[in-house]
Amino acid sequence: MGVIDSCSMVILTMITVWLLFTPFIAGDGKAVTPSMPLVIASHCSDKCGNVSIPYPFGIEDGCYLEQPDITPFPSFKINCSHHHNSLPTIFGTNFGILNISVKEGDFHSKLPVSYYCYNQSGYVNSWMTWFNLVTFTLSSTKNILVAIGCDTYATFSGVRGDKEYGTGCMTKCVEPEDVIDGECTGVGCCQASIPGGINNVTVYLDSFNNHSSVYTFNPCNVAFQVAKDVFTFNRRYLSHDMEYYQGLALPVEYN
C-alpha cells in the first residue's frame, strides 16, 4: 500500500470515529448521539448478553485494543460466557462488568469484599481482596472505602507510579442498639475517601479484640471499595455470617 493509500485509510478511520461519536442535530433542534457501540470490524460482537462492548474493548481477536508496550496481557479483551445471567469479565479475571461508557471514560465492575469472621473461640476464616488491572484505576471521585463491624479497622493501599498510598477507617460499637441505619460515621460502619490513580490495590482489615465481646450479634468484619451511589448502610449487615460475605461482590467504577 502506498503513502497516499495509507493516508486515505487513516483519514477514513478518523471520519468514521467522528461520525459515530459526534452528536448530530435532529429536526427538532435537539442533539442526537448514535446509540450503536463502536466496533472496528464486521466480525466484532457489540454486546455480551445485555452489556454493550464498545471499542477499545472487544471479545474476538482483532476487536480490542492491545498495548504490548504497557502490559503483555490483553487488558481490553472481554470474556463472554453464554451461561444464564453471567456477566462479561475482563480477560484473566473474575471481575464481572456491569456496563462500559466510552463517553464517560469508565466502566462499572463487581469486586469481592474482604472479611474476617469469628466465633466464641476467636478467628474462624478470612479473605483479603487484592487486585491489579494495570491499565485501569479505581475512580477516587466515584468510589469510597467502607468498613462494617463493631470491633473493626480497615486499610486501603495501592500504588501510583512507583509510590504506595493508602487510607483507612475504624468502627466500634457495644450493642446493636448503638447503630443507626443510614449512618456510616464510625459506629458500626465507617468510610473514607480513596486516593486517585491507584492500582495494585489491597483492602485489609482486622479486629482490635477478635470480636470477643460482639461476635453474638456481629460475627464478621467486612471492608470493601464501592461506588458511592449504590451503598447505604443498614445495621442488619452486622449480623451477616461468613457464607453471606463469601458470595458478595459490589459495584465499583474504574477510570
C-alpha atoms as a PDB file:
ATOM      1  CA  MET A   1       0.000   0.000   0.000  1.00  0.00           C
ATOM      2  CA  GLY A   2       1.410   3.417  -0.973  1.00  0.00           C
ATOM      3  CA  VAL A   3       1.740   6.531   1.166  1.00  0.00           C
ATOM      4  CA  ILE A   4      -1.403   8.086  -0.378  1.00  0.00           C
ATOM      5  CA  ASP A   5      -3.434   4.912   0.269  1.00  0.00           C
ATOM      6  CA  SER A   6      -2.191   4.784   3.880  1.00  0.00           C
ATOM      7  CA  CYS A   7      -3.141   8.415   4.457  1.00  0.00           C
ATOM      8  CA  SER A   8      -6.554   7.792   2.927  1.00  0.00           C
ATOM      9  CA  MET A   9      -7.192   4.891   5.291  1.00  0.00           C
ATOM     10  CA  VAL A  10      -6.179   6.968   8.336  1.00  0.00           C
ATOM     11  CA  ILE A  11      -8.459   9.830   7.274  1.00  0.00           C
ATOM     12  CA  LEU A  12     -11.351   7.430   6.606  1.00  0.00           C
ATOM     13  CA  THR A  13     -10.910   5.843  10.056  1.00  0.00           C
ATOM     14  CA  MET A  14     -10.864   9.268  11.745  1.00  0.00           C
ATOM     15  CA  ILE A  15     -14.007  10.351   9.914  1.00  0.00           C
ATOM     16  CA  THR A  16     -15.778   7.108  10.860  1.00  0.00           C
ATOM     17  CA  VAL A  17     -14.914   7.506  14.565  1.00  0.00           C
ATOM     18  CA  TRP A  18     -16.014  11.171  14.444  1.00  0.00           C
ATOM     19  CA  LEU A  19     -19.344  10.266  12.881  1.00  0.00           C
ATOM     20  CA  LEU A  20     -20.007   7.519  15.408  1.00  0.00           C
ATOM     21  CA  PHE A  21     -19.187   9.604  18.468  1.00  0.00           C
ATOM     22  CA  THR A  22     -20.323  13.111  17.446  1.00  0.00           C
ATOM     23  CA  PRO A  23     -23.943  14.128  18.147  1.00  0.00           C
ATOM     24  CA  PHE A  24     -25.954  15.345  15.164  1.00  0.00           C
ATOM     25  CA  ILE A  25     -28.893  17.768  15.102  1.00  0.00           C
ATOM     26  CA  ALA A  26     -32.355  16.303  14.638  1.00  0.00           C
ATOM     27  CA  GLY A  27     -35.255  18.104  13.032  1.00  0.00           C
ATOM     28  CA  ASP A  28     -36.466  19.426  16.387  1.00  0.00           C
ATOM     29  CA  GLY A  29     -33.091  21.039  17.055  1.00  0.00           C
ATOM     30  CA  LYS A  30     -32.005  18.508  19.705  1.00  0.00           C
ATOM     31  CA  ALA A  31     -28.622  16.841  19.640  1.00  0.00           C
ATOM     32  CA  VAL A  32     -28.827  13.121  18.992  1.00  0.00           C
ATOM     33  CA  THR A  33     -25.976  10.721  19.715  1.00  0.00           C
ATOM     34  CA  PRO A  34     -25.882   7.388  17.867  1.00  0.00           C
ATOM     35  CA  SER A  35     -26.572   4.559  20.328  1.00  0.00           C
ATOM     36  CA  MET A  36     -24.750   1.792  18.482  1.00  0.00           C
ATOM     37  CA  PRO A  37     -21.413   0.895  20.172  1.00  0.00           C
ATOM     38  CA  LEU A  38     -18.311   1.367  18.072  1.00  0.00           C
ATOM     39  CA  VAL A  39     -16.685  -1.824  16.810  1.00  0.00           C
ATOM     40  CA  ILE A  40     -13.764  -1.908  14.428  1.00  0.00           C
ATOM     41  CA  ALA A  41     -14.602  -4.900  12.227  1.00  0.00           C
ATOM     42  CA  SER A  42     -17.690  -6.710  10.982  1.00  0.00           C
ATOM     43  CA  HIS A  43     -16.872  -9.882  12.948  1.00  0.00           C
ATOM     44  CA  CYS A  44     -16.706  -7.991  16.271  1.00  0.00           C
ATOM     45  CA  SER A  45     -19.589  -8.506  18.682  1.00  0.00           C
ATOM     46  CA  ASP A  46     -21.024  -5.284  20.088  1.00  0.00           C
ATOM     47  CA  LYS A  47     -22.750  -6.967  23.044  1.00  0.00           C
ATOM     48  CA  CYS A  48     -22.296  -9.726  25.590  1.00  0.00           C
ATOM     49  CA  GLY A  49     -25.736 -10.548  26.921  1.00  0.00           C
ATOM     50  CA  ASN A  50     -27.258  -7.182  27.813  1.00  0.00           C
ATOM     51  CA  VAL A  51     -23.901  -5.406  28.215  1.00  0.00           C
ATOM     52  CA  SER A  52     -22.658  -3.275  25.310  1.00  0.00           C
ATOM     53  CA  ILE A  53     -18.974  -3.852  24.414  1.00  0.00           C
ATOM     54  CA  PRO A  54     -17.616  -0.770  22.581  1.00  0.00           C
ATOM     55  CA  TYR A  55     -14.056  -0.422  21.289  1.00  0.00           C
ATOM     56  CA  PRO A  56     -11.369  -0.250  22.738  1.00  0.00           C
ATOM     57  CA  PHE A  57     -12.920  -3.268  24.493  1.00  0.00           C
ATOM     58  CA  GLY A  58     -13.735  -6.328  22.440  1.00  0.00           C
ATOM     59  CA  ILE A  59     -14.449 -10.039  22.610  1.00  0.00           C
ATOM     60  CA  GLU A  60     -12.958 -11.614  19.492  1.00  0.00           C
ATOM     61  CA  ASP A  61      -9.314 -11.408  18.406  1.00  0.00           C
ATOM     62  CA  GLY A  62      -8.671  -8.246  16.418  1.00  0.00           C
ATOM     63  CA  CYS A  63     -11.569  -6.435  18.110  1.00  0.00           C
ATOM     64  CA  TYR A  64      -9.881  -4.919  21.172  1.00  0.00           C
ATOM     65  CA  LEU A  65      -7.002  -2.545  21.834  1.00  0.00           C
ATOM     66  CA  GLU A  66      -3.678  -4.219  22.527  1.00  0.00           C
ATOM     67  CA  GLN A  67      -0.920  -2.432  24.482  1.00  0.00           C
ATOM     68  CA  PRO A  68       2.193  -4.633  24.344  1.00  0.00           C
ATOM     69  CA  ASP A  69       4.377  -1.717  25.483  1.00  0.00           C
ATOM     70  CA  ILE A  70       2.347  -1.399  28.716  1.00  0.00           C
ATOM     71  CA  THR A  71       1.289  -4.954  29.537  1.00  0.00           C
ATOM     72  CA  PRO A  72       1.652  -8.386  27.913  1.00  0.00           C
ATOM     73  CA  PHE A  73      -1.924  -9.131  28.987  1.00  0.00           C
ATOM     74  CA  PRO A  74      -4.846  -8.047  26.785  1.00  0.00           C
ATOM     75  CA  SER A  75      -6.436  -5.609  29.278  1.00  0.00           C
ATOM     76  CA  PHE A  76      -9.259  -4.659  26.904  1.00  0.00           C
ATOM     77  CA  LYS A  77     -10.167  -8.234  25.971  1.00  0.00           C
ATOM     78  CA  ILE A  78     -13.560  -9.328  27.299  1.00  0.00           C
ATOM     79  CA  ASN A  79     -14.532 -12.874  28.188  1.00  0.00           C
ATOM     80  CA  CYS A  80     -18.138 -13.535  27.255  1.00  0.00           C
ATOM     81  CA  SER A  81     -19.816 -16.576  28.774  1.00  0.00           C
ATOM     82  CA  HIS A  82     -23.191 -17.651  27.488  1.00  0.00           C
ATOM     83  CA  HIS A  83     -24.242 -19.137  30.820  1.00  0.00           C
ATOM     84  CA  HIS A  84     -27.549 -17.790  32.113  1.00  0.00           C
ATOM     85  CA  ASN A  85     -27.223 -14.461  33.967  1.00  0.00           C
ATOM     86  CA  SER A  86     -23.407 -14.476  33.832  1.00  0.00           C
ATOM     87  CA  LEU A  87     -21.639 -11.139  33.319  1.00  0.00           C
ATOM     88  CA  PRO A  88     -18.810 -10.450  30.858  1.00  0.00           C
ATOM     89  CA  THR A  89     -15.421 -10.289  32.583  1.00  0.00           C
ATOM     90  CA  ILE A  90     -12.032  -8.678  31.980  1.00  0.00           C
ATOM     91  CA  PHE A  91      -9.723 -11.291  30.446  1.00  0.00           C
ATOM     92  CA  GLY A  92      -7.837 -13.234  33.111  1.00  0.00           C
ATOM     93  CA  THR A  93     -10.065 -12.071  35.986  1.00  0.00           C
ATOM     94  CA  ASN A  94     -13.425 -12.925  37.507  1.00  0.00           C
ATOM     95  CA  PHE A  95     -14.482  -9.264  37.716  1.00  0.00           C
ATOM     96  CA  GLY A  96     -17.964  -9.042  36.228  1.00  0.00           C
ATOM     97  CA  ILE A  97     -18.629  -5.963  34.077  1.00  0.00           C
ATOM     98  CA  LEU A  98     -21.963  -4.200  34.566  1.00  0.00           C
ATOM     99  CA  ASN A  99     -21.550  -1.521  31.887  1.00  0.00           C
ATOM    100  CA  ILE A 100     -18.941   0.376  29.855  1.00  0.00           C
ATOM    101  CA  SER A 101     -19.145   4.065  28.952  1.00  0.00           C
ATOM    102  CA  VAL A 102     -16.678   5.325  26.346  1.00  0.00           C
ATOM    103  CA  LYS A 103     -18.228   8.788  26.656  1.00  0.00           C
ATOM    104  CA  GLU A 104     -17.555   8.955  30.418  1.00  0.00           C
ATOM    105  CA  GLY A 105     -14.274   7.062  30.129  1.00  0.00           C
ATOM    106  CA  ASP A 106     -15.186   4.482  32.769  1.00  0.00           C
ATOM    107  CA  PHE A 107     -16.753   1.120  33.406  1.00  0.00           C
ATOM    108  CA  HIS A 108     -18.616  -0.498  36.307  1.00  0.00           C
ATOM    109  CA  SER A 109     -17.374  -3.820  37.622  1.00  0.00           C
ATOM    110  CA  LYS A 110     -18.075  -6.064  40.606  1.00  0.00           C
ATOM    111  CA  LEU A 111     -15.367  -6.873  43.146  1.00  0.00           C
ATOM    112  CA  PRO A 112     -15.407  -9.274  46.120  1.00  0.00           C
ATOM    113  CA  VAL A 113     -15.216  -7.955  49.690  1.00  0.00           C
ATOM    114  CA  SER A 114     -12.589  -8.553  52.379  1.00  0.00           C
ATOM    115  CA  TYR A 115     -13.859 -10.253  55.536  1.00  0.00           C
ATOM    116  CA  TYR A 116     -12.702 -11.676  58.872  1.00  0.00           C
ATOM    117  CA  CYS A 117     -15.183 -13.885  60.724  1.00  0.00           C
ATOM    118  CA  TYR A 118     -15.129 -15.071  64.346  1.00  0.00           C
ATOM    119  CA  ASN A 119     -16.832 -17.347  66.871  1.00  0.00           C
ATOM    120  CA  GLN A 120     -16.560 -17.579  70.663  1.00  0.00           C
ATOM    121  CA  SER A 121     -13.138 -19.214  70.313  1.00  0.00           C
ATOM    122  CA  GLY A 122     -11.796 -16.409  68.124  1.00  0.00           C
ATOM    123  CA  TYR A 123     -10.845 -16.253  64.458  1.00  0.00           C
ATOM    124  CA  VAL A 124     -12.640 -18.619  62.043  1.00  0.00           C
ATOM    125  CA  ASN A 125     -11.916 -17.629  58.437  1.00  0.00           C
ATOM    126  CA  SER A 126     -10.924 -14.671  56.274  1.00  0.00           C
ATOM    127  CA  TRP A 127     -10.489 -13.341  52.762  1.00  0.00           C
ATOM    128  CA  MET A 128      -8.445 -10.334  51.681  1.00  0.00           C
ATOM    129  CA  THR A 129      -9.291  -8.557  48.432  1.00  0.00           C
ATOM    130  CA  TRP A 130      -6.342  -7.796  46.142  1.00  0.00           C
ATOM    131  CA  PHE A 131      -6.493  -6.766  42.501  1.00  0.00           C
ATOM    132  CA  ASN A 132      -4.348  -5.122  39.862  1.00  0.00           C
ATOM    133  CA  LEU A 133      -5.769  -4.404  36.403  1.00  0.00           C
ATOM    134  CA  VAL A 134      -2.649  -2.426  35.333  1.00  0.00           C
ATOM    135  CA  THR A 135      -4.366  -0.368  32.624  1.00  0.00           C
ATOM    136  CA  PHE A 136      -7.270   0.774  34.818  1.00  0.00           C
ATOM    137  CA  THR A 137      -7.502   2.615  38.132  1.00  0.00           C
ATOM    138  CA  LEU A 138     -10.328   2.971  40.640  1.00  0.00           C
ATOM    139  CA  SER A 139     -12.142   6.287  40.406  1.00  0.00           C
ATOM    140  CA  SER A 140     -11.373   8.308  43.533  1.00  0.00           C
ATOM    141  CA  THR A 141     -14.365  10.600  42.980  1.00  0.00           C
ATOM    142  CA  LYS A 142     -16.978   7.858  42.499  1.00  0.00           C
ATOM    143  CA  ASN A 143     -15.821   5.172  44.985  1.00  0.00           C
ATOM    144  CA  ILE A 144     -15.235   5.050  48.736  1.00  0.00           C
ATOM    145  CA  LEU A 145     -13.727   2.612  51.223  1.00  0.00           C
ATOM    146  CA  VAL A 146     -16.319   1.187  53.644  1.00  0.00           C
ATOM    147  CA  ALA A 147     -15.796  -0.982  56.738  1.00  0.00           C
ATOM    148  CA  ILE A 148     -18.597  -2.640  58.713  1.00  0.00           C
ATOM    149  CA  GLY A 149     -18.264  -4.074  62.205  1.00  0.00           C
ATOM    150  CA  CYS A 150     -18.279  -3.318  65.923  1.00  0.00           C
ATOM    151  CA  ASP A 151     -14.615  -4.163  66.551  1.00  0.00           C
ATOM    152  CA  THR A 152     -13.044  -3.279  63.251  1.00  0.00           C
ATOM    153  CA  TYR A 153     -10.348  -1.328  61.445  1.00  0.00           C
ATOM    154  CA  ALA A 154      -9.664  -1.375  57.703  1.00  0.00           C
ATOM    155  CA  THR A 155      -6.996  -0.069  55.356  1.00  0.00           C
ATOM    156  CA  PHE A 156      -6.918   0.537  51.621  1.00  0.00           C
ATOM    157  CA  SER A 157      -3.478   0.603  49.988  1.00  0.00           C
ATOM    158  CA  GLY A 158      -2.289   0.804  46.414  1.00  0.00           C
ATOM    159  CA  VAL A 159       0.402   2.041  44.063  1.00  0.00           C
ATOM    160  CA  ARG A 160       0.520   5.137  41.876  1.00  0.00           C
ATOM    161  CA  GLY A 161       3.613   5.140  39.706  1.00  0.00           C
ATOM    162  CA  ASP A 162       6.332   3.746  41.962  1.00  0.00           C
ATOM    163  CA  LYS A 163       4.898   5.077  45.237  1.00  0.00           C
ATOM    164  CA  GLU A 164       2.482   3.497  47.694  1.00  0.00           C
ATOM    165  CA  TYR A 165      -0.503   5.360  49.106  1.00  0.00           C
ATOM    166  CA  GLY A 166      -3.267   4.407  51.486  1.00  0.00           C
ATOM    167  CA  THR A 167      -6.171   5.348  53.697  1.00  0.00           C
ATOM    168  CA  GLY A 168      -8.374   3.681  56.289  1.00  0.00           C
ATOM    169  CA  CYS A 169     -11.017   3.945  58.998  1.00  0.00           C
ATOM    170  CA  MET A 170     -12.157   2.288  62.228  1.00  0.00           C
ATOM    171  CA  THR A 171     -15.567   1.457  63.656  1.00  0.00           C
ATOM    172  CA  LYS A 172     -16.697   0.266  67.109  1.00  0.00           C
ATOM    173  CA  CYS A 173     -19.941  -0.374  68.967  1.00  0.00           C
ATOM    174  CA  VAL A 174     -21.054  -2.203  72.104  1.00  0.00           C
ATOM    175  CA  GLU A 175     -24.512  -3.445  71.161  1.00  0.00           C
ATOM    176  CA  PRO A 176     -26.802  -3.385  68.102  1.00  0.00           C
ATOM    177  CA  GLU A 177     -28.905  -0.578  69.562  1.00  0.00           C
ATOM    178  CA  ASP A 178     -25.884   1.730  69.256  1.00  0.00           C
ATOM    179  CA  VAL A 179     -26.075   1.542  65.470  1.00  0.00           C
ATOM    180  CA  ILE A 180     -28.299   3.735  63.287  1.00  0.00           C
ATOM    181  CA  ASP A 181     -29.472   2.801  59.790  1.00  0.00           C
ATOM    182  CA  GLY A 182     -28.103   5.098  57.106  1.00  0.00           C
ATOM    183  CA  GLU A 183     -25.181   6.387  59.223  1.00  0.00           C
ATOM    184  CA  CYS A 184     -21.611   5.368  58.406  1.00  0.00           C
ATOM    185  CA  THR A 185     -19.664   7.606  60.756  1.00  0.00           C
ATOM    186  CA  GLY A 186     -17.738   5.197  62.999  1.00  0.00           C
ATOM    187  CA  VAL A 187     -20.412   3.334  64.974  1.00  0.00           C
ATOM    188  CA  GLY A 188     -20.949   0.006  63.218  1.00  0.00           C
ATOM    189  CA  CYS A 189     -19.813   1.482  59.908  1.00  0.00           C
ATOM    190  CA  CYS A 190     -17.083   3.845  58.736  1.00  0.00           C
ATOM    191  CA  GLN A 191     -15.979   5.177  55.375  1.00  0.00           C
ATOM    192  CA  ALA A 192     -13.027   7.004  53.823  1.00  0.00           C
ATOM    193  CA  SER A 193     -12.135   8.620  50.522  1.00  0.00           C
ATOM    194  CA  ILE A 194      -9.609   6.718  48.428  1.00  0.00           C
ATOM    195  CA  PRO A 195      -6.530   8.089  46.625  1.00  0.00           C
ATOM    196  CA  GLY A 196      -6.758   8.736  42.888  1.00  0.00           C
ATOM    197  CA  GLY A 197      -4.828   6.970  40.130  1.00  0.00           C
ATOM    198  CA  ILE A 198      -4.303   3.827  42.201  1.00  0.00           C
ATOM    199  CA  ASN A 199      -3.910   0.242  41.085  1.00  0.00           C
ATOM    200  CA  ASN A 200      -2.363  -2.882  42.663  1.00  0.00           C
ATOM    201  CA  VAL A 201      -4.911  -2.483  45.451  1.00  0.00           C
ATOM    202  CA  THR A 202      -5.219  -4.386  48.747  1.00  0.00           C
ATOM    203  CA  VAL A 203      -8.134  -3.978  51.169  1.00  0.00           C
ATOM    204  CA  TYR A 204      -7.031  -5.232  54.595  1.00  0.00           C
ATOM    205  CA  LEU A 205      -8.988  -5.402  57.839  1.00  0.00           C
ATOM    206  CA  ASP A 206      -8.644  -6.718  61.361  1.00  0.00           C
ATOM    207  CA  SER A 207     -10.195  -6.658  64.816  1.00  0.00           C
ATOM    208  CA  PHE A 208      -8.997  -4.950  67.994  1.00  0.00           C
ATOM    209  CA  ASN A 209     -10.198  -7.765  70.294  1.00  0.00           C
ATOM    210  CA  ASN A 210     -11.109 -10.688  67.990  1.00  0.00           C
ATOM    211  CA  HIS A 211     -14.778  -9.745  68.337  1.00  0.00           C
ATOM    212  CA  SER A 212     -14.734 -11.369  71.780  1.00  0.00           C
ATOM    213  CA  SER A 213     -17.498  -9.119  73.141  1.00  0.00           C
ATOM    214  CA  VAL A 214     -19.582  -8.648  69.965  1.00  0.00           C
ATOM    215  CA  TYR A 215     -19.471 -11.926  67.997  1.00  0.00           C
ATOM    216  CA  THR A 216     -23.004 -12.914  69.113  1.00  0.00           C
ATOM    217  CA  PHE A 217     -24.536 -10.114  67.035  1.00  0.00           C
ATOM    218  CA  ASN A 218     -21.579  -9.220  64.779  1.00  0.00           C
ATOM    219  CA  PRO A 219     -19.692 -12.361  63.690  1.00  0.00           C
ATOM    220  CA  CYS A 220     -17.779 -10.765  60.792  1.00  0.00           C
ATOM    221  CA  ASN A 221     -15.674  -7.724  59.978  1.00  0.00           C
ATOM    222  CA  VAL A 222     -16.048  -6.660  56.360  1.00  0.00           C
ATOM    223  CA  ALA A 223     -14.381  -3.981  54.218  1.00  0.00           C
ATOM    224  CA  PHE A 224     -14.710  -3.080  50.568  1.00  0.00           C
ATOM    225  CA  GLN A 225     -14.426  -0.378  47.945  1.00  0.00           C
ATOM    226  CA  VAL A 226     -17.817   0.521  46.495  1.00  0.00           C
ATOM    227  CA  ALA A 227     -19.439   3.060  44.185  1.00  0.00           C
ATOM    228  CA  LYS A 228     -20.804   5.924  46.302  1.00  0.00           C
ATOM    229  CA  ASP A 229     -24.164   5.989  44.577  1.00  0.00           C
ATOM    230  CA  VAL A 230     -25.074   2.364  45.346  1.00  0.00           C
ATOM    231  CA  PHE A 231     -24.202   1.988  49.035  1.00  0.00           C
ATOM    232  CA  THR A 232     -26.430   2.791  52.009  1.00  0.00           C
ATOM    233  CA  PHE A 233     -25.600   1.271  55.389  1.00  0.00           C
ATOM    234  CA  ASN A 234     -28.136  -0.875  57.238  1.00  0.00           C
ATOM    235  CA  ARG A 235     -27.428  -2.291  60.689  1.00  0.00           C
ATOM    236  CA  ARG A 236     -28.631  -5.744  59.642  1.00  0.00           C
ATOM    237  CA  TYR A 237     -25.301  -6.003  57.781  1.00  0.00           C
ATOM    238  CA  LEU A 238     -23.660  -6.515  61.190  1.00  0.00           C
ATOM    239  CA  SER A 239     -25.404  -9.860  61.697  1.00  0.00           C
ATOM    240  CA  HIS A 240     -24.491 -11.469  58.343  1.00  0.00           C
ATOM    241  CA  ASP A 241     -22.235 -14.521  58.568  1.00  0.00           C
ATOM    242  CA  MET A 242     -19.320 -15.787  56.507  1.00  0.00           C
ATOM    243  CA  GLU A 243     -21.492 -17.600  53.947  1.00  0.00           C
ATOM    244  CA  TYR A 244     -23.133 -14.313  53.009  1.00  0.00           C
ATOM    245  CA  TYR A 245     -19.864 -12.436  52.516  1.00  0.00           C
ATOM    246  CA  GLN A 246     -18.156 -15.281  50.626  1.00  0.00           C
ATOM    247  CA  GLY A 247     -20.503 -14.735  47.698  1.00  0.00           C
ATOM    248  CA  LEU A 248     -20.780 -10.959  47.892  1.00  0.00           C
ATOM    249  CA  ALA A 249     -19.431  -8.707  45.120  1.00  0.00           C
ATOM    250  CA  LEU A 250     -20.200  -4.979  44.965  1.00  0.00           C
ATOM    251  CA  PRO A 251     -20.121  -2.413  42.126  1.00  0.00           C
ATOM    252  CA  VAL A 252     -17.117  -0.113  41.667  1.00  0.00           C
ATOM    253  CA  GLU A 253     -16.180   2.381  38.948  1.00  0.00           C
ATOM    254  CA  TYR A 254     -12.885   2.249  37.053  1.00  0.00           C
ATOM    255  CA  ASN A 255     -11.296   5.032  35.028  1.00  0.00           C
END
